[in-house]
Amino acid sequence: MPLYFTQRDITSMGVDAIVNAANCSLLGGGGVDGCIHRAAGPQLLDECRTLGGCETGNAKLTRAYRLPCRYVIHAVGPRWRGGNHGERDQLASCYRTSLRLALAQGCRSVAFPLISAGIYGYPKAQALDVAVETIQSFLSAHDVDVYLVFFRLDEFRGDPALYDRLVQLVQEHGGPL
């Protein structure tokens, strides 16, 4: 199945699972994490409290509550520390682990944000490369629809080459949703 690129609010995605760029506590935070928690409602936080947190590079699954999907997969990406502290491997692990969890639950469609590229400071172009490479590798052996979701492409205008690449990806591989 293909990898699609789309500009929209991940909390509105009618897929089987959305991935939350979570922190280690899994108890909500800023950015996409806060948006997902607010949209899902307080039951999501209640369930997350039972999970005992999550290590960087790993992911855990919960129900989605008020979201239009079935599950939320909480993936904890690495904070950028210069690139020489295993960040790439940890980030790739987030994507692989999330996809394995989704597959284990029978999910046929999954939507991801660009993990670690916000307040965790991972360089956006590098984060995109890790996401695309890891997801495409997984898709070569598994039959699932995967969406890479960008809330606002304007956030990438500071890097004109990356912005142009993303616009082209969204235009050419926007997908059926």
N, C-alpha and C. Protein backbone atom coordinates (compact mmCIF):
# COMPACT_ATOMS: atom_id res chain seq x y z
N MET A 1 0.84 -1.17 0.00
CA MET A 1 0.00 0.00 0.00
C MET A 1 0.89 1.24 0.00
N PRO A 2 0.33 2.35 -0.37
CA PRO A 2 1.15 3.56 -0.55
C PRO A 2 1.31 4.40 0.73
N LEU A 3 2.28 5.29 0.61
CA LEU A 3 2.48 6.35 1.59
C LEU A 3 1.91 7.62 1.00
N TYR A 4 0.97 8.22 1.70
CA TYR A 4 0.33 9.46 1.26
C TYR A 4 0.83 10.63 2.10
N PHE A 5 0.75 11.82 1.53
CA PHE A 5 1.14 13.05 2.22
C PHE A 5 -0.06 13.99 2.16
N THR A 6 -0.41 14.57 3.30
CA THR A 6 -1.58 15.44 3.31
C THR A 6 -1.40 16.58 4.30
N GLN A 7 -2.05 17.69 3.99
CA GLN A 7 -2.07 18.85 4.89
C GLN A 7 -3.46 18.91 5.50
N ARG A 8 -3.55 18.61 6.77
CA ARG A 8 -4.82 18.71 7.50
C ARG A 8 -4.58 18.50 8.99
N ASP A 9 -5.63 18.56 9.74
CA ASP A 9 -5.59 18.35 11.18
C ASP A 9 -5.65 16.84 11.43
N ILE A 10 -4.62 16.29 12.05
CA ILE A 10 -4.57 14.84 12.27
C ILE A 10 -5.74 14.35 13.11
N THR A 11 -6.29 15.23 13.95
CA THR A 11 -7.42 14.80 14.80
C THR A 11 -8.70 14.63 14.01
N SER A 12 -8.71 15.02 12.73
CA SER A 12 -9.90 14.84 11.89
C SER A 12 -9.76 13.66 10.93
N MET A 13 -8.67 12.95 11.02
CA MET A 13 -8.41 11.85 10.09
C MET A 13 -9.27 10.64 10.41
N GLY A 14 -10.03 10.18 9.42
CA GLY A 14 -10.88 9.01 9.58
C GLY A 14 -10.14 7.74 9.23
N VAL A 15 -9.05 7.48 9.89
CA VAL A 15 -8.23 6.29 9.68
C VAL A 15 -8.42 5.36 10.88
N ASP A 16 -7.84 4.18 10.83
CA ASP A 16 -7.96 3.26 11.96
C ASP A 16 -7.18 3.75 13.18
N ALA A 17 -5.99 4.32 12.95
CA ALA A 17 -5.17 4.80 14.07
C ALA A 17 -4.45 6.08 13.66
N ILE A 18 -4.34 6.98 14.62
CA ILE A 18 -3.46 8.13 14.45
C ILE A 18 -2.32 7.99 15.44
N VAL A 19 -1.19 8.53 15.07
CA VAL A 19 -0.02 8.48 15.93
C VAL A 19 0.16 9.84 16.59
N ASN A 20 0.39 9.80 17.87
CA ASN A 20 0.61 10.99 18.67
C ASN A 20 2.10 11.15 18.91
N ALA A 21 2.65 12.31 18.62
CA ALA A 21 4.04 12.62 18.96
C ALA A 21 4.06 12.97 20.45
N ALA A 22 4.20 11.95 21.27
CA ALA A 22 4.03 12.07 22.72
C ALA A 22 5.35 12.33 23.43
N ASN A 23 5.23 12.70 24.70
CA ASN A 23 6.41 12.76 25.56
C ASN A 23 6.45 11.48 26.40
N CYS A 24 7.52 11.28 27.14
CA CYS A 24 7.71 10.03 27.89
C CYS A 24 6.63 9.75 28.93
N SER A 25 6.00 10.79 29.44
CA SER A 25 4.97 10.58 30.46
C SER A 25 3.67 10.08 29.85
N LEU A 26 3.44 10.37 28.58
CA LEU A 26 2.19 10.08 27.85
C LEU A 26 1.00 10.85 28.41
N LEU A 27 1.25 11.88 29.20
CA LEU A 27 0.16 12.58 29.88
C LEU A 27 -0.22 13.90 29.20
N GLY A 28 0.09 14.03 27.93
CA GLY A 28 -0.26 15.24 27.21
C GLY A 28 0.86 16.25 27.26
N GLY A 29 0.77 17.22 26.40
CA GLY A 29 1.80 18.25 26.31
C GLY A 29 1.37 19.30 25.32
N GLY A 30 2.34 19.86 24.62
CA GLY A 30 2.04 20.88 23.63
C GLY A 30 1.93 20.29 22.24
N GLY A 31 1.81 21.14 21.26
CA GLY A 31 1.78 20.73 19.86
C GLY A 31 0.71 19.71 19.56
N VAL A 32 1.07 18.75 18.72
CA VAL A 32 0.11 17.73 18.28
C VAL A 32 -0.37 16.89 19.47
N ASP A 33 0.50 16.67 20.44
CA ASP A 33 0.14 15.90 21.64
C ASP A 33 -1.03 16.55 22.36
N GLY A 34 -0.94 17.85 22.60
CA GLY A 34 -2.01 18.56 23.28
C GLY A 34 -3.29 18.57 22.46
N CYS A 35 -3.17 18.75 21.15
CA CYS A 35 -4.35 18.75 20.27
C CYS A 35 -5.06 17.40 20.31
N ILE A 36 -4.31 16.33 20.27
CA ILE A 36 -4.92 14.99 20.30
C ILE A 36 -5.60 14.75 21.63
N HIS A 37 -4.95 15.11 22.73
CA HIS A 37 -5.57 14.92 24.05
C HIS A 37 -6.86 15.74 24.18
N ARG A 38 -6.84 16.98 23.72
CA ARG A 38 -8.05 17.81 23.81
C ARG A 38 -9.18 17.23 22.96
N ALA A 39 -8.86 16.80 21.76
CA ALA A 39 -9.89 16.29 20.85
C ALA A 39 -10.45 14.94 21.33
N ALA A 40 -9.61 14.13 21.94
CA ALA A 40 -10.06 12.80 22.40
C ALA A 40 -10.90 12.88 23.65
N GLY A 41 -10.65 13.90 24.46
CA GLY A 41 -11.39 14.04 25.71
C GLY A 41 -10.62 13.47 26.89
N PRO A 42 -11.13 13.70 28.11
CA PRO A 42 -10.41 13.33 29.33
C PRO A 42 -10.19 11.83 29.52
N GLN A 43 -10.97 11.00 28.85
CA GLN A 43 -10.79 9.55 28.99
C GLN A 43 -9.42 9.12 28.46
N LEU A 44 -8.91 9.82 27.45
CA LEU A 44 -7.59 9.47 26.91
C LEU A 44 -6.52 9.65 27.98
N LEU A 45 -6.56 10.77 28.66
CA LEU A 45 -5.60 11.00 29.74
C LEU A 45 -5.74 9.95 30.83
N ASP A 46 -6.98 9.60 31.17
CA ASP A 46 -7.20 8.57 32.19
C ASP A 46 -6.55 7.26 31.79
N GLU A 47 -6.72 6.85 30.52
CA GLU A 47 -6.10 5.60 30.07
C GLU A 47 -4.58 5.72 30.04
N CYS A 48 -4.08 6.86 29.58
CA CYS A 48 -2.62 7.06 29.53
C CYS A 48 -1.99 6.95 30.91
N ARG A 49 -2.70 7.38 31.93
CA ARG A 49 -2.18 7.29 33.31
C ARG A 49 -1.92 5.85 33.73
N THR A 50 -2.60 4.90 33.11
CA THR A 50 -2.44 3.49 33.47
C THR A 50 -1.26 2.82 32.76
N LEU A 51 -0.64 3.51 31.82
CA LEU A 51 0.38 2.89 30.97
C LEU A 51 1.80 2.96 31.53
N GLY A 52 2.03 3.79 32.53
CA GLY A 52 3.36 3.86 33.12
C GLY A 52 4.41 4.54 32.26
N GLY A 53 3.97 5.44 31.39
CA GLY A 53 4.91 6.16 30.54
C GLY A 53 5.41 5.30 29.39
N CYS A 54 6.41 5.81 28.70
CA CYS A 54 6.94 5.13 27.52
C CYS A 54 8.36 5.62 27.26
N GLU A 55 9.23 4.71 26.87
CA GLU A 55 10.62 5.07 26.59
C GLU A 55 10.75 5.72 25.21
N THR A 56 11.76 6.55 25.07
CA THR A 56 12.07 7.16 23.78
C THR A 56 12.34 6.06 22.75
N GLY A 57 11.76 6.23 21.57
CA GLY A 57 11.92 5.26 20.51
C GLY A 57 10.86 4.18 20.51
N ASN A 58 9.98 4.21 21.49
CA ASN A 58 8.95 3.20 21.64
C ASN A 58 7.57 3.83 21.47
N ALA A 59 6.53 3.02 21.56
CA ALA A 59 5.17 3.51 21.39
C ALA A 59 4.21 2.62 22.16
N LYS A 60 3.08 3.19 22.56
CA LYS A 60 2.01 2.45 23.24
C LYS A 60 0.67 2.85 22.64
N LEU A 61 -0.28 1.94 22.72
CA LEU A 61 -1.58 2.12 22.07
C LEU A 61 -2.69 2.32 23.08
N THR A 62 -3.62 3.23 22.76
CA THR A 62 -4.82 3.44 23.57
C THR A 62 -6.03 3.49 22.65
N ARG A 63 -7.19 3.50 23.26
CA ARG A 63 -8.41 3.78 22.51
C ARG A 63 -8.40 5.24 22.09
N ALA A 64 -9.30 5.62 21.19
CA ALA A 64 -9.30 6.98 20.65
C ALA A 64 -10.39 7.88 21.22
N TYR A 65 -11.36 7.31 21.90
CA TYR A 65 -12.43 8.05 22.54
C TYR A 65 -13.18 8.94 21.56
N ARG A 66 -13.12 10.25 21.68
CA ARG A 66 -13.94 11.13 20.83
C ARG A 66 -13.34 11.41 19.44
N LEU A 67 -12.21 10.84 19.14
CA LEU A 67 -11.59 11.03 17.83
C LEU A 67 -12.27 10.12 16.80
N PRO A 68 -12.20 10.47 15.51
CA PRO A 68 -12.86 9.66 14.48
C PRO A 68 -12.10 8.40 14.06
N CYS A 69 -11.09 8.04 14.81
CA CYS A 69 -10.31 6.83 14.54
C CYS A 69 -10.58 5.82 15.66
N ARG A 70 -10.02 4.63 15.55
CA ARG A 70 -10.22 3.61 16.59
C ARG A 70 -9.16 3.67 17.69
N TYR A 71 -7.93 4.03 17.30
CA TYR A 71 -6.81 3.99 18.24
C TYR A 71 -5.94 5.22 18.14
N VAL A 72 -5.26 5.51 19.25
CA VAL A 72 -4.17 6.49 19.26
C VAL A 72 -2.91 5.71 19.65
N ILE A 73 -1.89 5.85 18.84
CA ILE A 73 -0.60 5.24 19.14
C ILE A 73 0.33 6.37 19.57
N HIS A 74 0.79 6.29 20.80
CA HIS A 74 1.60 7.34 21.40
C HIS A 74 3.08 6.97 21.21
N ALA A 75 3.75 7.66 20.29
CA ALA A 75 5.15 7.39 19.97
C ALA A 75 6.03 8.48 20.57
N VAL A 76 7.06 8.06 21.28
CA VAL A 76 7.96 9.01 21.93
C VAL A 76 9.23 9.14 21.11
N GLY A 77 9.33 10.26 20.41
CA GLY A 77 10.50 10.52 19.59
C GLY A 77 11.63 11.11 20.40
N PRO A 78 12.81 11.12 19.82
CA PRO A 78 13.98 11.65 20.52
C PRO A 78 14.04 13.18 20.46
N ARG A 79 14.62 13.76 21.47
CA ARG A 79 14.99 15.17 21.41
C ARG A 79 16.30 15.25 20.62
N TRP A 80 16.41 16.25 19.77
CA TRP A 80 17.61 16.44 18.97
C TRP A 80 18.74 16.92 19.85
N ARG A 81 19.86 16.18 19.84
CA ARG A 81 21.03 16.55 20.62
C ARG A 81 22.27 16.59 19.73
N GLY A 82 22.07 16.99 18.48
CA GLY A 82 23.19 17.12 17.56
C GLY A 82 23.33 15.99 16.57
N GLY A 83 22.60 14.91 16.76
CA GLY A 83 22.61 13.82 15.80
C GLY A 83 23.59 12.70 16.09
N ASN A 84 24.35 12.82 17.15
CA ASN A 84 25.35 11.79 17.46
C ASN A 84 25.00 10.98 18.71
N HIS A 85 23.72 10.97 19.08
CA HIS A 85 23.29 10.28 20.29
C HIS A 85 22.19 9.25 20.00
N GLY A 86 22.22 8.69 18.81
CA GLY A 86 21.26 7.66 18.44
C GLY A 86 19.89 8.18 18.05
N GLU A 87 19.80 9.47 17.78
CA GLU A 87 18.50 10.06 17.47
C GLU A 87 17.84 9.42 16.24
N ARG A 88 18.61 9.19 15.19
CA ARG A 88 18.05 8.61 13.96
C ARG A 88 17.45 7.23 14.23
N ASP A 89 18.18 6.38 14.93
CA ASP A 89 17.68 5.04 15.25
C ASP A 89 16.44 5.10 16.13
N GLN A 90 16.44 6.01 17.10
CA GLN A 90 15.28 6.15 17.98
C GLN A 90 14.06 6.63 17.20
N LEU A 91 14.27 7.58 16.29
CA LEU A 91 13.15 8.09 15.51
C LEU A 91 12.60 7.00 14.59
N ALA A 92 13.46 6.29 13.91
CA ALA A 92 13.01 5.19 13.04
C ALA A 92 12.26 4.15 13.86
N SER A 93 12.73 3.88 15.07
CA SER A 93 12.06 2.92 15.94
C SER A 93 10.64 3.36 16.28
N CYS A 94 10.43 4.66 16.46
CA CYS A 94 9.07 5.18 16.71
C CYS A 94 8.12 4.78 15.60
N TYR A 95 8.55 5.01 14.37
CA TYR A 95 7.70 4.69 13.22
C TYR A 95 7.47 3.18 13.11
N ARG A 96 8.53 2.39 13.21
CA ARG A 96 8.39 0.93 13.10
C ARG A 96 7.50 0.37 14.19
N THR A 97 7.74 0.78 15.43
CA THR A 97 6.96 0.27 16.56
C THR A 97 5.50 0.66 16.41
N SER A 98 5.24 1.89 15.99
CA SER A 98 3.86 2.35 15.80
C SER A 98 3.17 1.52 14.72
N LEU A 99 3.86 1.27 13.63
CA LEU A 99 3.27 0.49 12.55
C LEU A 99 3.02 -0.96 12.97
N ARG A 100 3.91 -1.53 13.74
CA ARG A 100 3.71 -2.90 14.24
C ARG A 100 2.51 -2.97 15.18
N LEU A 101 2.38 -1.97 16.06
CA LEU A 101 1.22 -1.93 16.96
C LEU A 101 -0.07 -1.83 16.16
N ALA A 102 -0.08 -0.97 15.15
CA ALA A 102 -1.27 -0.80 14.32
C ALA A 102 -1.63 -2.11 13.62
N LEU A 103 -0.64 -2.76 13.04
CA LEU A 103 -0.87 -4.02 12.35
C LEU A 103 -1.39 -5.09 13.30
N ALA A 104 -0.84 -5.14 14.51
CA ALA A 104 -1.28 -6.13 15.50
C ALA A 104 -2.75 -5.93 15.89
N GLN A 105 -3.26 -4.70 15.76
CA GLN A 105 -4.66 -4.41 16.08
C GLN A 105 -5.56 -4.53 14.85
N GLY A 106 -5.00 -4.95 13.73
CA GLY A 106 -5.80 -5.10 12.52
C GLY A 106 -6.06 -3.81 11.77
N CYS A 107 -5.29 -2.79 12.05
CA CYS A 107 -5.48 -1.50 11.38
C CYS A 107 -5.06 -1.61 9.91
N ARG A 108 -5.84 -0.97 9.07
CA ARG A 108 -5.56 -0.93 7.63
C ARG A 108 -5.10 0.46 7.20
N SER A 109 -5.20 1.45 8.11
CA SER A 109 -4.78 2.82 7.79
C SER A 109 -4.27 3.51 9.05
N VAL A 110 -3.17 4.25 8.88
CA VAL A 110 -2.50 4.92 10.00
C VAL A 110 -2.06 6.30 9.54
N ALA A 111 -2.24 7.30 10.40
CA ALA A 111 -1.79 8.67 10.11
C ALA A 111 -0.74 9.09 11.13
N PHE A 112 0.36 9.62 10.62
CA PHE A 112 1.47 10.08 11.45
C PHE A 112 1.66 11.58 11.31
N PRO A 113 2.04 12.26 12.40
CA PRO A 113 2.62 13.60 12.27
C PRO A 113 4.11 13.40 11.98
N LEU A 114 4.83 14.46 11.78
CA LEU A 114 6.27 14.38 11.62
C LEU A 114 6.89 14.38 13.02
N ILE A 115 7.16 13.20 13.53
CA ILE A 115 7.59 13.01 14.92
C ILE A 115 8.93 13.69 15.19
N SER A 116 9.02 14.35 16.32
CA SER A 116 10.23 15.01 16.86
C SER A 116 10.63 16.28 16.14
N ALA A 117 9.91 16.68 15.10
CA ALA A 117 10.31 17.84 14.30
C ALA A 117 9.76 19.16 14.84
N GLY A 118 9.03 19.12 15.93
CA GLY A 118 8.51 20.33 16.55
C GLY A 118 9.39 20.76 17.70
N ILE A 119 8.83 20.77 18.90
CA ILE A 119 9.57 21.25 20.07
C ILE A 119 10.76 20.37 20.44
N TYR A 120 10.82 19.14 19.90
CA TYR A 120 11.97 18.29 20.18
C TYR A 120 13.18 18.64 19.31
N GLY A 121 12.98 19.55 18.34
CA GLY A 121 14.09 20.15 17.61
C GLY A 121 14.78 19.32 16.55
N TYR A 122 14.22 18.17 16.21
CA TYR A 122 14.86 17.36 15.15
C TYR A 122 14.78 18.15 13.85
N PRO A 123 15.87 18.29 13.12
CA PRO A 123 15.81 19.05 11.86
C PRO A 123 14.74 18.46 10.94
N LYS A 124 13.85 19.33 10.48
CA LYS A 124 12.66 18.88 9.76
C LYS A 124 12.98 18.04 8.51
N ALA A 125 13.94 18.46 7.72
CA ALA A 125 14.28 17.71 6.51
C ALA A 125 14.79 16.32 6.86
N GLN A 126 15.61 16.23 7.90
CA GLN A 126 16.12 14.93 8.33
C GLN A 126 14.99 14.08 8.92
N ALA A 127 14.11 14.69 9.68
CA ALA A 127 12.97 13.96 10.26
C ALA A 127 12.08 13.40 9.14
N LEU A 128 11.88 14.19 8.09
CA LEU A 128 11.08 13.73 6.96
C LEU A 128 11.77 12.54 6.28
N ASP A 129 13.07 12.62 6.08
CA ASP A 129 13.80 11.52 5.45
C ASP A 129 13.67 10.23 6.26
N VAL A 130 13.83 10.32 7.57
CA VAL A 130 13.71 9.14 8.43
C VAL A 130 12.30 8.57 8.34
N ALA A 131 11.29 9.45 8.41
CA ALA A 131 9.90 8.99 8.33
C ALA A 131 9.64 8.27 7.02
N VAL A 132 10.00 8.89 5.91
CA VAL A 132 9.72 8.31 4.58
C VAL A 132 10.46 6.99 4.41
N GLU A 133 11.74 6.96 4.73
CA GLU A 133 12.53 5.73 4.57
C GLU A 133 11.97 4.60 5.42
N THR A 134 11.66 4.88 6.67
CA THR A 134 11.18 3.85 7.59
C THR A 134 9.80 3.34 7.19
N ILE A 135 8.91 4.26 6.86
CA ILE A 135 7.55 3.86 6.47
C ILE A 135 7.59 3.08 5.16
N GLN A 136 8.34 3.54 4.17
CA GLN A 136 8.39 2.83 2.90
C GLN A 136 8.99 1.44 3.06
N SER A 137 9.99 1.31 3.90
CA SER A 137 10.57 -0.01 4.17
C SER A 137 9.51 -0.94 4.77
N PHE A 138 8.74 -0.44 5.71
CA PHE A 138 7.68 -1.24 6.32
C PHE A 138 6.62 -1.62 5.29
N LEU A 139 6.26 -0.67 4.44
CA LEU A 139 5.21 -0.91 3.45
C LEU A 139 5.64 -1.91 2.38
N SER A 140 6.93 -2.10 2.21
CA SER A 140 7.39 -3.09 1.22
C SER A 140 7.02 -4.50 1.63
N ALA A 141 6.71 -4.70 2.91
CA ALA A 141 6.37 -6.04 3.40
C ALA A 141 4.97 -6.12 4.02
N HIS A 142 4.26 -5.00 4.11
CA HIS A 142 2.95 -4.99 4.77
C HIS A 142 1.94 -4.18 3.97
N ASP A 143 0.68 -4.59 4.08
CA ASP A 143 -0.39 -3.98 3.31
C ASP A 143 -1.23 -3.06 4.20
N VAL A 144 -0.83 -1.80 4.24
CA VAL A 144 -1.53 -0.82 5.07
C VAL A 144 -1.40 0.55 4.38
N ASP A 145 -2.40 1.42 4.54
CA ASP A 145 -2.31 2.79 4.03
C ASP A 145 -1.71 3.66 5.12
N VAL A 146 -0.70 4.42 4.78
CA VAL A 146 -0.05 5.29 5.76
C VAL A 146 -0.09 6.72 5.23
N TYR A 147 -0.46 7.63 6.11
CA TYR A 147 -0.53 9.06 5.80
C TYR A 147 0.48 9.79 6.66
N LEU A 148 1.26 10.65 6.05
CA LEU A 148 2.12 11.58 6.77
C LEU A 148 1.39 12.91 6.72
N VAL A 149 1.00 13.41 7.89
CA VAL A 149 0.07 14.54 7.99
C VAL A 149 0.81 15.78 8.48
N PHE A 150 0.61 16.88 7.75
CA PHE A 150 1.20 18.17 8.11
C PHE A 150 0.07 19.13 8.40
N PHE A 151 0.05 19.69 9.59
CA PHE A 151 -1.03 20.60 9.96
C PHE A 151 -1.02 21.84 9.08
N ARG A 152 0.16 22.45 8.94
CA ARG A 152 0.30 23.64 8.09
C ARG A 152 1.64 23.58 7.37
N LEU A 153 1.58 23.50 6.07
CA LEU A 153 2.83 23.49 5.30
C LEU A 153 3.60 24.80 5.45
N ASP A 154 2.89 25.89 5.76
CA ASP A 154 3.55 27.19 5.96
C ASP A 154 4.64 27.14 7.02
N GLU A 155 4.53 26.19 7.96
CA GLU A 155 5.54 26.06 9.01
C GLU A 155 6.92 25.73 8.43
N PHE A 156 6.96 25.27 7.18
CA PHE A 156 8.19 24.84 6.55
C PHE A 156 8.77 25.88 5.60
N ARG A 157 8.16 27.06 5.52
CA ARG A 157 8.62 28.09 4.58
C ARG A 157 10.02 28.59 4.90
N GLY A 158 10.48 28.41 6.12
CA GLY A 158 11.83 28.83 6.49
C GLY A 158 12.92 28.05 5.76
N ASP A 159 12.54 26.90 5.22
CA ASP A 159 13.46 26.08 4.42
C ASP A 159 12.80 25.90 3.05
N PRO A 160 13.08 26.82 2.11
CA PRO A 160 12.38 26.80 0.82
C PRO A 160 12.47 25.47 0.07
N ALA A 161 13.61 24.80 0.12
CA ALA A 161 13.74 23.52 -0.59
C ALA A 161 12.83 22.47 0.04
N LEU A 162 12.78 22.43 1.36
CA LEU A 162 11.91 21.48 2.06
C LEU A 162 10.45 21.81 1.81
N TYR A 163 10.12 23.08 1.89
CA TYR A 163 8.75 23.52 1.62
C TYR A 163 8.30 23.09 0.22
N ASP A 164 9.13 23.35 -0.77
CA ASP A 164 8.80 22.97 -2.15
C ASP A 164 8.64 21.46 -2.27
N ARG A 165 9.51 20.72 -1.60
CA ARG A 165 9.42 19.24 -1.63
C ARG A 165 8.10 18.77 -1.03
N LEU A 166 7.71 19.35 0.10
CA LEU A 166 6.46 18.95 0.76
C LEU A 166 5.24 19.31 -0.08
N VAL A 167 5.24 20.49 -0.65
CA VAL A 167 4.12 20.89 -1.51
C VAL A 167 3.99 19.90 -2.66
N GLN A 168 5.11 19.55 -3.26
CA GLN A 168 5.09 18.60 -4.37
C GLN A 168 4.59 17.22 -3.91
N LEU A 169 5.04 16.75 -2.75
CA LEU A 169 4.59 15.46 -2.22
C LEU A 169 3.08 15.46 -1.97
N VAL A 170 2.58 16.54 -1.37
CA VAL A 170 1.14 16.63 -1.10
C VAL A 170 0.36 16.65 -2.41
N GLN A 171 0.84 17.40 -3.39
CA GLN A 171 0.13 17.48 -4.68
C GLN A 171 0.15 16.16 -5.43
N GLU A 172 1.27 15.46 -5.39
CA GLU A 172 1.41 14.24 -6.17
C GLU A 172 0.95 12.98 -5.44
N HIS A 173 0.98 13.00 -4.11
CA HIS A 173 0.67 11.80 -3.33
C HIS A 173 -0.28 12.13 -2.19
N GLY A 174 -1.31 12.89 -2.50
CA GLY A 174 -2.25 13.34 -1.47
C GLY A 174 -3.15 12.26 -0.93
N GLY A 175 -3.41 11.24 -1.66
CA GLY A 175 -4.21 10.13 -1.17
C GLY A 175 -5.71 10.37 -1.22
N PRO A 176 -6.46 9.34 -0.90
CA PRO A 176 -7.91 9.37 -1.06
C PRO A 176 -8.68 10.10 0.03
N LEU A 177 -8.09 10.40 1.16
CA LEU A 177 -8.86 11.06 2.24
C LEU A 177 -9.01 12.54 2.00
